[in-house]
Amino acid sequence: MPRDALRIGLVVDGTQVPAWIAALVSALNNSESAAIARVVYAAEDAAPLSLDAPLYEQLDRLLFARGEDPLRPVALPDLASLPTEGRVDLQLHLSISPPQYDEDAELGTWYFHPDLLLGTASWAPVAAQSTVASAHLFARWQNDEYALYSGHTAVHTFSIRRTNQRLYWLASTAAVRCIEQLCTHPSPARYYARNGTPTVPPAPAPSAPFTLRPFIASTWRRAWTDLSQRTEWHIRYGRTADDHLPSDFDAFLPLQAASHTYWADPFPFVHEKNLYLFFEVYDQRKKKGHIAVMPFGEQGPSGPAVRALETPEHLSYPLVFAHEGIIYMMPESSERGTVDLYRCERFPDKWTYDRTLLHDLYAVDSTLCYHDNWWWIFTCQAAHPNAPARDELFLYYADSPLSAHWTPHPMNPIIADVRHARPAGRIFELDGRTVRPAQDCSQRYGYGIHLREIVVWNREDYSERALKSYLPQGGRVGMHTFNRSGSWTFVDIKLRTRRWL
């Protein structure tokens, strides 16, 4: 049974807090699962640390000021009427001071890794030239420590400010979501046990002064590469044995895209024993994609590509499936804030809008499949309008692919790691294993593909593990879709070509 609304005790530094903490508190104030019942001010109006690099900070602010700065000091939502003492169900420690555990709180004390609260969580990965920055939320309950959430986002190529946007909004939304999950979970003991013990200790955070020399040098190298070269996506296809994965794609053949376009997101579909390849056609002049289709024979393409579906918004990732004798397409329609379904009126080039499956969410590369008598949607969602939809994978299920009511999985997000969250194609069976293709977006969007074996998959639990990876090599600098049909394998590959300045 769902628990009553949790009484939350806050520990904050003062009436001025970073914007990400203010957003977290506002979300709790508006939540049906929790109510703030106590507030303690631990260090009046403390401010996050600043880099010992004022020139860099000015340039970063000038060049990458888009979106709200999560570390900007803002007024805390009015909590003046709340007491500073009294019993609560859960204490949430949001202060830079060391956590003081409330042993009387039935559900313990929750706290973030200290470098997150100090505002320095992006510094160490930048200094180490790492590809990801991490946010960790811990709990102390009944004298044991638990890792409630570990989210990993990509370090922005050129900006600590933009890295902070990704990381801190991720942390802000994750904390609220974890509290709501605890509130609805039938057993606190099972909830904590599900999350396990911390693998990242709450170690002291780095302190100023901080050197940015390696980061700045790397930034200049990457900037020059982007100026002197351009990248384009290309579809390639090849054959392997049904029960084998290709070792590489060097022998795969390319599909030739029309001028000023590139082709990506290949999805094969068999209709009346004939193979058709649906894919995205991106017009580089219009900055917009539509869906095309091409017939395939035993030797490869057996006819020209024709336009299959176009809308005023950008379309990509054309997952096609059949249900009860009717063919449907579920392309990505993230610009509309929906996951939409289109019905085939004439195969393969006439489609009409049928219904919307998921509303009011920025979801990308949604992947539908049937498993264990249920229909499932895997989709990557943005934690915040200022965060990319690459870090967290969510799972929904229903009894029909046409359902208007999709139930979110209780472990959502089932993956919180930019290195293998975003879907990269259909889920498929291989030698008795269930395999989920996943994008690696750590170094850049579509950096590579990881094939992940799903180990546990039901309405209560989910887990997966690494199986095989395809990362850049030679002239290939990216991949983001992997699909199979019989002996055919289709991938898209990003290649660099030199610009003529």
Protein backbone atom coordinates (compact mmCIF):
# COMPACT_ATOMS: atom_id res chain seq x y z
CA MET A 1 0.00 0.00 0.00
CA PRO A 2 1.23 3.53 -0.69
CA ARG A 3 2.48 5.34 2.35
CA ASP A 4 0.97 8.64 3.47
CA ALA A 5 2.79 11.79 2.43
CA LEU A 6 6.24 11.78 3.98
CA ARG A 7 7.11 14.50 6.48
CA ILE A 8 10.45 15.86 5.23
CA GLY A 9 12.99 17.69 7.35
CA LEU A 10 15.33 19.94 5.35
CA VAL A 11 18.86 20.96 6.26
CA VAL A 12 19.94 23.90 4.08
CA ASP A 13 22.60 26.57 4.30
CA GLY A 14 20.33 29.61 4.42
CA THR A 15 17.64 31.55 2.65
CA GLN A 16 19.87 31.86 -0.43
CA VAL A 17 20.61 28.51 -2.10
CA PRO A 18 21.78 27.31 -5.54
CA ALA A 19 19.00 27.22 -8.13
CA TRP A 20 19.07 23.42 -8.36
CA ILE A 21 18.36 23.10 -4.64
CA ALA A 22 15.59 25.72 -4.82
CA ALA A 23 13.99 23.74 -7.67
CA LEU A 24 14.26 20.55 -5.62
CA VAL A 25 12.53 22.20 -2.63
CA SER A 26 9.80 23.68 -4.87
CA ALA A 27 9.13 20.26 -6.38
CA LEU A 28 8.78 18.74 -2.91
CA ASN A 29 6.40 21.55 -1.92
CA ASN A 30 4.21 20.65 -4.91
CA SER A 31 4.47 16.90 -4.50
CA GLU A 32 1.57 14.73 -3.40
CA SER A 33 4.04 12.25 -1.92
CA ALA A 34 5.87 14.51 0.53
CA ALA A 35 5.43 17.59 2.67
CA ILE A 36 8.21 19.71 4.14
CA ALA A 37 7.63 19.79 7.90
CA ARG A 38 10.90 21.15 9.31
CA VAL A 39 13.77 23.32 8.14
CA VAL A 40 17.20 23.81 9.74
CA TYR A 41 19.67 26.45 8.54
CA ALA A 42 23.16 25.01 8.97
CA ALA A 43 25.45 27.64 7.43
CA GLU A 44 23.70 30.92 6.72
CA ASP A 45 23.83 31.92 3.02
CA ALA A 46 26.82 29.76 2.11
CA ALA A 47 27.87 30.01 -1.53
CA PRO A 48 29.33 27.35 -3.84
CA LEU A 49 33.08 27.50 -4.38
CA SER A 50 34.38 29.32 -7.44
CA LEU A 51 37.14 28.24 -9.79
CA ASP A 52 40.43 30.03 -9.34
CA ALA A 53 40.25 31.00 -13.02
CA PRO A 54 38.25 34.23 -13.43
CA LEU A 55 39.12 34.71 -17.12
CA TYR A 56 37.93 31.21 -17.98
CA GLU A 57 34.71 31.72 -16.00
CA GLN A 58 34.00 34.95 -17.88
CA LEU A 59 34.57 33.29 -21.26
CA ASP A 60 32.51 30.28 -20.24
CA ARG A 61 29.64 32.55 -19.19
CA LEU A 62 29.92 34.59 -22.40
CA LEU A 63 30.00 31.64 -24.79
CA PHE A 64 27.78 29.13 -22.98
CA ALA A 65 25.21 31.23 -21.09
CA ARG A 66 22.24 29.40 -22.62
CA GLY A 67 19.75 28.08 -20.05
CA GLU A 68 19.53 28.53 -16.32
CA ASP A 69 22.69 28.22 -14.24
CA PRO A 70 21.97 25.58 -11.57
CA LEU A 71 24.57 27.12 -9.22
CA ARG A 72 23.16 30.65 -9.38
CA PRO A 73 22.12 31.78 -5.86
CA VAL A 74 18.36 32.27 -5.61
CA ALA A 75 15.89 32.79 -2.80
CA LEU A 76 14.70 29.62 -1.14
CA PRO A 77 10.93 29.09 -1.43
CA ASP A 78 9.25 30.61 1.63
CA LEU A 79 9.66 28.19 4.52
CA ALA A 80 9.70 30.83 7.27
CA SER A 81 6.58 29.46 8.91
CA LEU A 82 8.08 25.99 9.39
CA PRO A 83 9.53 24.94 12.76
CA THR A 84 13.22 24.18 13.23
CA GLU A 85 12.46 21.25 15.52
CA GLY A 86 10.06 18.36 15.55
CA ARG A 87 9.91 14.76 14.39
CA VAL A 88 10.02 13.93 10.68
CA ASP A 89 9.88 10.75 8.62
CA LEU A 90 12.92 11.60 6.50
CA GLN A 91 15.72 14.13 6.78
CA LEU A 92 17.14 15.56 3.54
CA HIS A 93 20.56 17.11 4.04
CA LEU A 94 21.24 19.82 1.43
CA SER A 95 23.98 21.71 3.25
CA ILE A 96 27.72 21.94 2.59
CA SER A 97 28.24 21.06 6.25
CA PRO A 98 28.92 17.37 7.06
CA PRO A 99 25.68 15.35 7.35
CA GLN A 100 24.15 15.22 10.80
CA TYR A 101 22.09 12.05 10.94
CA ASP A 102 18.63 12.22 12.50
CA GLU A 103 18.35 8.92 14.33
CA ASP A 104 14.70 9.62 15.15
CA ALA A 105 13.68 9.90 11.49
CA GLU A 106 11.96 6.60 10.68
CA LEU A 107 13.29 6.57 7.11
CA GLY A 108 16.76 7.92 7.88
CA THR A 109 18.84 10.76 6.45
CA TRP A 110 19.53 11.36 2.77
CA TYR A 111 22.51 13.36 1.53
CA PHE A 112 24.43 14.09 -1.66
CA HIS A 113 28.11 13.51 -2.34
CA PRO A 114 29.77 16.61 -0.81
CA ASP A 115 31.40 17.91 -3.99
CA LEU A 116 27.91 18.28 -5.50
CA LEU A 117 26.79 20.53 -2.64
CA LEU A 118 30.03 22.54 -2.80
CA GLY A 119 29.45 23.20 -6.51
CA THR A 120 32.67 21.45 -7.52
CA ALA A 121 31.35 18.15 -8.89
CA SER A 122 32.50 18.93 -12.45
CA TRP A 123 36.01 20.01 -11.50
CA ALA A 124 37.65 16.63 -10.86
CA PRO A 125 36.42 14.94 -14.08
CA VAL A 126 37.47 18.01 -16.09
CA ALA A 127 40.93 18.03 -14.48
CA ALA A 128 41.30 14.32 -15.22
CA GLN A 129 39.95 14.80 -18.77
CA SER A 130 37.29 12.24 -17.97
CA THR A 131 34.28 11.77 -20.23
CA VAL A 132 31.62 11.74 -17.49
CA ALA A 133 30.68 13.64 -14.35
CA SER A 134 28.61 11.94 -11.67
CA ALA A 135 25.91 12.76 -9.11
CA HIS A 136 25.46 10.48 -6.10
CA LEU A 137 22.63 10.42 -3.56
CA PHE A 138 23.14 8.38 -0.39
CA ALA A 139 21.02 7.34 2.58
CA ARG A 140 21.81 6.38 6.14
CA TRP A 141 19.02 4.17 7.48
CA GLN A 142 19.14 1.96 10.57
CA ASN A 143 22.92 2.46 10.83
CA ASP A 144 23.57 1.22 7.30
CA GLU A 145 24.59 3.21 4.22
CA TYR A 146 22.78 2.93 0.88
CA ALA A 147 23.39 4.31 -2.61
CA LEU A 148 20.00 5.58 -3.72
CA TYR A 149 21.03 7.07 -7.03
CA SER A 150 24.15 7.33 -9.17
CA GLY A 151 23.73 9.31 -12.37
CA HIS A 152 26.46 9.87 -14.95
CA THR A 153 26.33 12.62 -17.56
CA ALA A 154 28.77 13.66 -20.26
CA VAL A 155 31.40 16.31 -19.62
CA HIS A 156 30.76 19.08 -22.14
CA THR A 157 33.57 19.36 -24.65
CA PHE A 158 34.11 23.10 -24.12
CA SER A 159 32.28 24.19 -20.97
CA ILE A 160 32.22 23.48 -17.25
CA ARG A 161 29.10 25.65 -17.05
CA ARG A 162 27.24 23.39 -19.48
CA THR A 163 28.52 20.31 -17.67
CA ASN A 164 27.08 21.76 -14.46
CA GLN A 165 23.73 22.26 -16.17
CA ARG A 166 23.60 18.62 -17.14
CA LEU A 167 24.80 17.31 -13.80
CA TYR A 168 22.94 19.45 -11.27
CA TRP A 169 19.53 19.33 -12.93
CA LEU A 170 19.98 15.58 -13.10
CA ALA A 171 20.59 15.49 -9.35
CA SER A 172 17.70 17.84 -8.58
CA THR A 173 15.07 15.75 -10.35
CA ALA A 174 16.53 12.44 -9.16
CA ALA A 175 16.16 13.34 -5.48
CA VAL A 176 12.46 14.19 -5.86
CA ARG A 177 11.85 11.04 -7.86
CA CYS A 178 13.55 8.85 -5.24
CA ILE A 179 11.42 10.34 -2.46
CA GLU A 180 8.24 9.70 -4.46
CA GLN A 181 9.32 6.11 -5.12
CA LEU A 182 9.99 5.52 -1.43
CA CYS A 183 6.57 6.93 -0.58
CA THR A 184 4.77 4.50 -2.88
CA HIS A 185 6.98 1.48 -2.19
CA PRO A 186 5.26 -1.17 -0.06
CA SER A 187 8.34 -1.78 2.11
CA PRO A 188 11.09 0.68 3.06
CA ALA A 189 13.41 -2.24 3.85
CA ARG A 190 12.96 -3.68 0.36
CA TYR A 191 13.39 -0.23 -1.19
CA TYR A 192 16.72 0.34 0.52
CA ALA A 193 17.90 -3.22 -0.12
CA ARG A 194 17.11 -2.78 -3.83
CA ASN A 195 19.52 0.12 -4.07
CA GLY A 196 22.45 -1.59 -2.38
CA THR A 197 25.44 -0.22 -0.53
CA PRO A 198 27.54 2.70 -1.79
CA THR A 199 30.34 1.98 -4.23
CA VAL A 200 31.43 5.64 -4.19
CA PRO A 201 32.42 6.79 -0.69
CA PRO A 202 31.34 10.29 0.40
CA ALA A 203 34.91 11.55 0.14
CA PRO A 204 35.99 15.19 0.63
CA ALA A 205 35.55 17.40 -2.40
CA PRO A 206 38.41 19.05 -4.30
CA SER A 207 39.17 22.60 -3.26
CA ALA A 208 40.50 25.70 -5.03
CA PRO A 209 42.97 26.56 -6.48
CA PHE A 210 42.20 24.39 -9.49
CA THR A 211 44.16 24.13 -12.72
CA LEU A 212 42.31 24.17 -16.03
CA ARG A 213 45.40 23.91 -18.25
CA PRO A 214 44.76 20.35 -19.54
CA PHE A 215 41.09 21.11 -20.16
CA ILE A 216 41.84 24.33 -22.07
CA ALA A 217 44.47 22.60 -24.21
CA SER A 218 42.05 19.80 -25.02
CA THR A 219 39.34 22.37 -25.79
CA TRP A 220 41.52 24.13 -28.35
CA ARG A 221 42.38 20.83 -30.05
CA ARG A 222 38.74 19.82 -30.31
CA ALA A 223 37.65 23.27 -31.48
CA TRP A 224 40.22 23.17 -34.29
CA THR A 225 39.05 19.68 -35.28
CA ASP A 226 35.45 20.88 -35.50
CA LEU A 227 36.45 23.92 -37.55
CA SER A 228 38.64 22.03 -39.99
CA GLN A 229 36.48 18.93 -40.37
CA ARG A 230 32.80 18.07 -40.63
CA THR A 231 30.92 14.90 -39.77
CA GLU A 232 28.17 13.06 -41.62
CA TRP A 233 26.15 9.93 -40.92
CA HIS A 234 26.11 7.03 -43.40
CA ILE A 235 24.13 3.77 -43.41
CA ARG A 236 26.02 0.54 -44.00
CA TYR A 237 24.74 -3.01 -44.42
CA GLY A 238 26.20 -6.50 -44.44
CA ARG A 239 25.47 -10.16 -43.73
CA THR A 240 26.53 -12.43 -40.92
CA ALA A 241 25.31 -15.78 -39.62
CA ASP A 242 22.02 -15.50 -37.74
CA ASP A 243 23.62 -16.52 -34.44
CA HIS A 244 26.75 -14.36 -34.77
CA LEU A 245 27.52 -10.70 -34.32
CA PRO A 246 29.80 -8.88 -36.77
CA SER A 247 33.30 -8.35 -35.44
CA ASP A 248 33.53 -5.00 -37.25
CA PHE A 249 31.90 -3.15 -40.14
CA ASP A 250 34.87 -2.69 -42.46
CA ALA A 251 33.41 -5.02 -45.09
CA PHE A 252 29.90 -3.55 -44.87
CA LEU A 253 28.61 -1.68 -47.92
CA PRO A 254 27.36 1.92 -47.84
CA LEU A 255 24.04 3.32 -49.01
CA GLN A 256 24.57 6.44 -51.10
CA ALA A 257 22.57 9.41 -49.80
CA ALA A 258 21.31 12.20 -52.04
CA SER A 259 23.17 15.51 -52.14
CA HIS A 260 22.82 17.76 -49.07
CA THR A 261 21.33 14.93 -47.03
CA TYR A 262 22.57 12.18 -44.81
CA TRP A 263 20.87 8.90 -43.93
CA ALA A 264 20.74 7.38 -40.45
CA ASP A 265 18.65 5.23 -38.07
CA PRO A 266 18.17 2.14 -40.30
CA PHE A 267 15.24 -0.11 -39.26
CA PRO A 268 14.52 -3.25 -41.33
CA PHE A 269 11.00 -4.69 -41.57
CA VAL A 270 9.79 -7.82 -43.38
CA HIS A 271 6.46 -7.50 -45.23
CA GLU A 272 5.02 -10.41 -47.24
CA LYS A 273 8.44 -12.13 -47.13
CA ASN A 274 10.18 -9.08 -48.59
CA LEU A 275 12.64 -6.94 -46.67
CA TYR A 276 12.29 -3.15 -46.51
CA LEU A 277 14.63 -0.69 -44.84
CA PHE A 278 13.12 2.37 -43.15
CA PHE A 279 15.49 5.17 -42.19
CA GLU A 280 15.85 8.87 -41.44
CA VAL A 281 16.71 11.29 -44.25
CA TYR A 282 18.15 14.47 -42.79
CA ASP A 283 18.09 17.56 -45.00
CA GLN A 284 21.15 19.60 -44.06
CA ARG A 285 19.71 22.80 -45.54
CA LYS A 286 16.32 22.56 -43.81
CA LYS A 287 17.83 21.10 -40.60
CA LYS A 288 14.98 18.59 -40.49
CA GLY A 289 14.47 14.88 -40.99
CA HIS A 290 11.76 12.73 -42.60
CA ILE A 291 11.35 8.96 -43.01
CA ALA A 292 12.18 7.11 -46.23
CA VAL A 293 11.99 3.44 -47.20
CA MET A 294 14.00 1.26 -49.60
CA PRO A 295 13.33 -2.34 -50.73
CA PHE A 296 16.03 -4.95 -50.20
CA GLY A 297 16.68 -8.19 -52.08
CA GLU A 298 19.15 -11.03 -51.68
CA GLN A 299 22.04 -8.90 -52.97
CA GLY A 300 21.14 -5.61 -51.30
CA PRO A 301 18.97 -2.64 -52.36
CA SER A 302 16.48 -3.66 -55.05
CA GLY A 303 14.91 -0.27 -55.73
CA PRO A 304 15.21 3.45 -54.99
CA ALA A 305 14.44 5.12 -51.69
CA VAL A 306 10.99 6.76 -51.51
CA ARG A 307 9.51 9.16 -48.97
CA ALA A 308 7.40 7.27 -46.43
CA LEU A 309 6.43 9.82 -43.77
CA GLU A 310 6.96 13.54 -43.25
CA THR A 311 5.47 15.95 -40.71
CA PRO A 312 6.11 19.63 -39.93
CA GLU A 313 8.39 18.42 -37.11
CA HIS A 314 11.65 16.51 -37.34
CA LEU A 315 11.25 12.71 -37.53
CA SER A 316 13.82 9.96 -37.01
CA TYR A 317 14.22 6.45 -35.53
CA PRO A 318 11.39 4.76 -37.54
CA LEU A 319 10.51 1.63 -35.58
CA VAL A 320 7.96 -0.35 -37.64
CA PHE A 321 5.94 -3.29 -36.28
CA ALA A 322 2.78 -5.27 -36.98
CA HIS A 323 -0.09 -5.90 -34.56
CA GLU A 324 -3.29 -7.82 -35.30
CA GLY A 325 -2.74 -7.56 -39.04
CA ILE A 326 -2.09 -3.80 -39.07
CA ILE A 327 1.35 -2.22 -39.58
CA TYR A 328 2.37 0.71 -37.41
CA MET A 329 5.34 3.06 -37.19
CA MET A 330 6.59 4.70 -34.01
CA PRO A 331 9.12 7.35 -35.11
CA GLU A 332 10.81 9.74 -32.75
CA SER A 333 8.68 12.88 -32.42
CA SER A 334 10.39 14.54 -29.45
CA GLU A 335 9.78 18.07 -30.78
CA ARG A 336 6.07 17.53 -30.06
CA GLY A 337 6.70 16.27 -26.53
CA THR A 338 4.97 12.99 -27.34
CA VAL A 339 5.51 9.39 -28.39
CA ASP A 340 3.21 8.95 -31.40
CA LEU A 341 1.98 6.02 -33.45
CA TYR A 342 1.27 6.09 -37.20
CA ARG A 343 -0.87 3.51 -39.05
CA CYS A 344 0.02 2.20 -42.50
CA GLU A 345 -2.66 2.96 -45.12
CA ARG A 346 -0.63 1.68 -48.08
CA PHE A 347 2.63 -0.15 -47.61
CA PRO A 348 5.29 1.12 -47.60
CA ASP A 349 4.78 4.81 -48.40
CA LYS A 350 1.43 6.00 -47.01
CA TRP A 351 0.98 6.50 -43.26
CA THR A 352 -1.49 8.42 -41.13
CA TYR A 353 -1.42 9.55 -37.51
CA ASP A 354 -3.17 6.98 -35.31
CA ARG A 355 -2.70 7.93 -31.64
CA THR A 356 -0.34 9.22 -28.98
CA LEU A 357 1.05 6.66 -26.52
CA LEU A 358 2.94 8.95 -24.11
CA HIS A 359 2.20 12.63 -23.49
CA ASP A 360 4.04 15.65 -22.11
CA LEU A 361 7.59 14.36 -22.09
CA TYR A 362 10.72 14.98 -24.10
CA ALA A 363 11.52 11.41 -25.10
CA VAL A 364 13.99 10.22 -27.74
CA ASP A 365 14.67 6.95 -29.59
CA SER A 366 11.67 5.20 -28.02
CA THR A 367 11.85 1.45 -28.62
CA LEU A 368 8.76 -0.75 -28.46
CA CYS A 369 8.88 -4.52 -27.95
CA TYR A 370 6.84 -7.48 -26.70
CA HIS A 371 8.12 -9.54 -23.79
CA ASP A 372 6.60 -11.86 -21.20
CA ASN A 373 2.99 -11.15 -22.31
CA TRP A 374 3.44 -7.38 -22.00
CA TRP A 375 4.28 -4.56 -24.38
CA TRP A 376 7.16 -2.34 -23.31
CA ILE A 377 8.54 1.07 -24.28
CA PHE A 378 12.18 1.89 -23.56
CA THR A 379 12.78 5.63 -23.93
CA CYS A 380 15.39 8.22 -22.97
CA GLN A 381 13.94 11.28 -21.23
CA ALA A 382 15.51 14.61 -20.36
CA ALA A 383 15.71 15.26 -16.63
CA HIS A 384 15.25 19.00 -17.15
CA PRO A 385 14.72 21.42 -20.09
CA ASN A 386 18.41 22.39 -19.77
CA ALA A 387 19.62 18.78 -19.77
CA PRO A 388 20.05 16.46 -22.80
CA ALA A 389 17.94 13.33 -23.24
CA ARG A 390 20.92 10.96 -23.09
CA ASP A 391 21.47 10.22 -19.41
CA GLU A 392 18.44 8.31 -18.14
CA LEU A 393 16.52 5.37 -19.63
CA PHE A 394 12.90 4.90 -18.60
CA LEU A 395 10.71 1.84 -19.05
CA TYR A 396 6.90 1.64 -19.42
CA TYR A 397 4.58 -1.31 -19.93
CA ALA A 398 0.99 -1.98 -21.04
CA ASP A 399 -1.15 -4.91 -22.16
CA SER A 400 -1.38 -3.60 -25.73
CA PRO A 401 0.86 -1.51 -28.00
CA LEU A 402 -2.23 0.65 -28.66
CA SER A 403 -2.91 1.31 -24.99
CA ALA A 404 -3.66 4.81 -23.72
CA HIS A 405 -2.34 3.88 -20.26
CA TRP A 406 1.34 2.98 -19.90
CA THR A 407 2.59 2.14 -16.40
CA PRO A 408 6.04 3.45 -15.45
CA HIS A 409 8.44 0.81 -14.14
CA PRO A 410 9.00 1.14 -10.37
CA MET A 411 12.79 1.23 -10.87
CA ASN A 412 12.71 4.19 -13.29
CA PRO A 413 15.12 5.27 -14.49
CA ILE A 414 16.33 1.74 -15.07
CA ILE A 415 19.65 3.16 -16.37
CA ALA A 416 21.21 6.48 -15.32
CA ASP A 417 24.43 6.50 -17.32
CA VAL A 418 25.15 8.49 -20.47
CA ARG A 419 27.46 5.67 -21.58
CA HIS A 420 24.62 3.21 -22.23
CA ALA A 421 21.23 4.75 -21.50
CA ARG A 422 19.97 5.91 -24.89
CA PRO A 423 18.42 3.18 -27.11
CA ALA A 424 20.21 2.29 -30.35
CA GLY A 425 17.81 -0.10 -32.07
CA ARG A 426 15.40 -2.99 -31.60
CA ILE A 427 15.84 -5.44 -28.75
CA PHE A 428 16.66 -8.86 -30.23
CA GLU A 429 17.41 -12.46 -29.29
CA LEU A 430 20.86 -13.95 -29.83
CA ASP A 431 21.81 -17.48 -28.82
CA GLY A 432 19.27 -17.53 -25.98
CA ARG A 433 20.17 -14.02 -24.80
CA THR A 434 18.02 -10.91 -24.90
CA VAL A 435 20.12 -8.04 -26.24
CA ARG A 436 19.47 -4.29 -26.03
CA PRO A 437 21.55 -2.03 -28.30
CA ALA A 438 22.55 1.14 -26.43
CA GLN A 439 24.27 4.33 -27.48
CA ASP A 440 27.41 5.61 -25.81
CA CYS A 441 27.03 9.41 -25.73
CA SER A 442 29.83 10.10 -23.24
CA GLN A 443 32.43 11.66 -25.52
CA ARG A 444 29.92 12.95 -28.04
CA TYR A 445 26.42 12.17 -29.26
CA GLY A 446 26.48 8.76 -30.94
CA TYR A 447 30.07 8.02 -29.94
CA GLY A 448 29.60 4.25 -30.09
CA ILE A 449 27.29 1.31 -29.47
CA HIS A 450 27.20 -1.17 -26.60
CA LEU A 451 25.18 -4.36 -26.87
CA ARG A 452 23.75 -5.04 -23.41
CA GLU A 453 22.42 -8.42 -22.27
CA ILE A 454 19.18 -8.05 -20.29
CA VAL A 455 19.53 -10.31 -17.27
CA VAL A 456 16.32 -9.56 -15.34
CA TRP A 457 13.24 -8.00 -16.93
CA ASN A 458 9.80 -7.95 -15.34
CA ARG A 459 7.32 -5.46 -13.90
CA GLU A 460 9.19 -5.24 -10.61
CA ASP A 461 12.86 -5.50 -11.50
CA TYR A 462 15.33 -4.84 -14.30
CA SER A 463 19.05 -5.37 -14.78
CA GLU A 464 21.48 -5.73 -17.69
CA ARG A 465 25.19 -6.23 -18.29
CA ALA A 466 27.78 -5.58 -20.97
CA LEU A 467 27.97 -8.04 -23.87
CA LYS A 468 29.85 -6.42 -26.79
CA SER A 469 30.96 -2.93 -27.80
CA TYR A 470 31.55 -1.14 -31.09
CA LEU A 471 33.63 2.00 -30.57
CA PRO A 472 35.34 4.39 -33.02
CA GLN A 473 38.28 3.09 -35.00
CA GLY A 474 39.98 4.15 -38.20
CA GLY A 475 37.99 6.88 -39.92
CA ARG A 476 34.84 6.04 -37.98
CA VAL A 477 34.10 8.56 -35.20
CA GLY A 478 30.60 7.52 -34.18
CA MET A 479 27.69 5.06 -34.35
CA HIS A 480 24.20 5.25 -32.96
CA THR A 481 21.91 2.59 -34.49
CA PHE A 482 22.29 -1.20 -34.77
CA ASN A 483 19.52 -3.42 -36.19
CA ARG A 484 19.27 -6.98 -37.50
CA SER A 485 16.88 -8.93 -39.71
CA GLY A 486 17.80 -12.54 -40.40
CA SER A 487 21.35 -12.55 -41.72
CA TRP A 488 21.31 -8.81 -42.47
CA THR A 489 22.82 -6.25 -40.11
CA PHE A 490 22.31 -2.52 -40.56
CA VAL A 491 24.26 0.23 -38.80
CA ASP A 492 24.82 3.93 -39.18
CA ILE A 493 28.33 5.34 -38.94
CA LYS A 494 29.60 8.88 -38.50
CA LEU A 495 32.61 9.79 -40.65
CA ARG A 496 34.79 12.91 -40.66
CA THR A 497 35.64 14.74 -43.86
CA ARG A 498 37.88 17.79 -44.25
CA ARG A 499 36.26 21.16 -44.72
CA TRP A 500 37.48 23.43 -47.49
CA LEU A 501 37.65 26.77 -45.66
